[in-house]
Amino acid sequence: MEINIKHIAKLAKLSIPEDKISKFETEMEDIIKMVENLPEITSESALVDVNNTMELREDVVIPSSPRDEMIMNAPQTAAGCILIPKVVE
């Protein structure tokens, strides 16, 4: 199977250096081969066991890091909040 990494990178809006393209194509081919070799799941093994109630654990409130300590370690703060650089246009 031939993988077109340049096309995949374009769809994902990624830039891949020319010297890395063959490496990524090989790795992607290996991943696809591995997935193709996975065993089939029969519908019987995929069904939910109605006898298993799957009881969930009780939620327990655990104190997290104190806000004052987090703000002291932040490079920039305003109005009690940590400022981060804008990452979305």
Protein backbone atom coordinates (compact mmCIF):
# COMPACT_ATOMS: atom_id res chain seq x y z
CA MET A 1 0.00 0.00 0.00
CA GLU A 2 1.35 3.38 -0.95
CA ILE A 3 0.85 6.28 1.46
CA ASN A 4 0.95 9.88 0.26
CA ILE A 5 2.26 11.68 3.33
CA LYS A 6 2.33 15.03 1.55
CA HIS A 7 -1.42 14.77 0.89
CA ILE A 8 -2.16 13.70 4.47
CA ALA A 9 0.00 16.55 5.80
CA LYS A 10 -1.83 19.03 3.56
CA LEU A 11 -5.23 17.81 4.81
CA ALA A 12 -4.00 18.07 8.41
CA LYS A 13 -2.40 21.48 7.70
CA LEU A 14 1.00 20.18 8.79
CA SER A 15 4.37 20.98 7.30
CA ILE A 16 6.76 18.05 7.06
CA PRO A 17 10.39 18.57 6.02
CA GLU A 18 11.29 16.85 2.73
CA ASP A 19 13.97 14.74 4.43
CA LYS A 20 11.38 13.25 6.85
CA ILE A 21 8.69 12.30 4.29
CA SER A 22 10.04 8.83 3.46
CA LYS A 23 10.43 8.04 7.17
CA PHE A 24 6.80 9.00 7.86
CA GLU A 25 5.55 7.05 4.83
CA THR A 26 7.31 3.92 6.09
CA GLU A 27 5.96 4.37 9.61
CA MET A 28 2.42 4.95 8.33
CA GLU A 29 2.60 1.83 6.15
CA ASP A 30 3.76 -0.18 9.19
CA ILE A 31 0.83 1.13 11.25
CA ILE A 32 -1.68 0.24 8.54
CA LYS A 33 -0.20 -3.27 8.20
CA MET A 34 -0.51 -3.73 11.96
CA VAL A 35 -4.15 -2.61 11.95
CA GLU A 36 -4.96 -4.88 9.00
CA ASN A 37 -3.62 -7.84 11.01
CA LEU A 38 -5.85 -7.21 14.03
CA PRO A 39 -8.31 -10.05 14.67
CA GLU A 40 -11.95 -9.63 13.74
CA ILE A 41 -14.38 -8.97 16.59
CA THR A 42 -17.38 -11.24 16.58
CA SER A 43 -20.69 -9.69 17.47
CA GLU A 44 -21.07 -12.13 20.37
CA SER A 45 -17.85 -10.99 22.06
CA ALA A 46 -18.71 -7.31 21.59
CA LEU A 47 -22.06 -7.44 23.36
CA VAL A 48 -22.51 -5.91 26.80
CA ASP A 49 -22.98 -8.39 29.61
CA VAL A 50 -26.37 -7.56 31.15
CA ASN A 51 -25.43 -9.43 34.33
CA ASN A 52 -22.48 -7.12 34.97
CA THR A 53 -23.90 -3.95 36.55
CA MET A 54 -20.55 -2.16 36.29
CA GLU A 55 -20.91 -0.30 39.55
CA LEU A 56 -18.99 2.96 39.51
CA ARG A 57 -16.81 4.17 42.33
CA GLU A 58 -18.06 6.96 44.55
CA ASP A 59 -16.72 10.41 43.73
CA VAL A 60 -14.34 11.73 46.35
CA VAL A 61 -13.39 15.41 46.53
CA ILE A 62 -9.63 15.82 46.84
CA PRO A 63 -8.09 19.26 47.31
CA SER A 64 -5.98 20.35 44.36
CA SER A 65 -3.06 22.75 44.22
CA PRO A 66 -3.78 25.97 46.12
CA ARG A 67 -4.68 28.81 43.74
CA ASP A 68 -2.24 31.23 45.37
CA GLU A 69 0.68 28.84 44.77
CA MET A 70 -0.28 28.36 41.13
CA ILE A 71 -0.56 32.11 40.53
CA MET A 72 2.83 32.70 42.21
CA ASN A 73 4.47 30.30 39.72
CA ALA A 74 2.71 31.71 36.63
CA PRO A 75 4.74 34.03 34.37
CA GLN A 76 1.76 36.36 33.81
CA THR A 77 -1.48 36.87 35.74
CA ALA A 78 -4.41 39.26 35.71
CA ALA A 79 -7.42 39.50 38.04
CA GLY A 80 -6.46 36.26 39.78
CA CYS A 81 -6.18 34.31 36.51
CA ILE A 82 -3.18 32.84 34.72
CA LEU A 83 -2.57 34.47 31.32
CA ILE A 84 -1.44 32.29 28.43
CA PRO A 85 -0.47 33.17 24.85
CA LYS A 86 -3.25 33.13 22.26
CA VAL A 87 -3.10 29.89 20.28
CA VAL A 88 -6.21 30.20 18.08
CA GLU A 89 -6.82 32.93 15.50
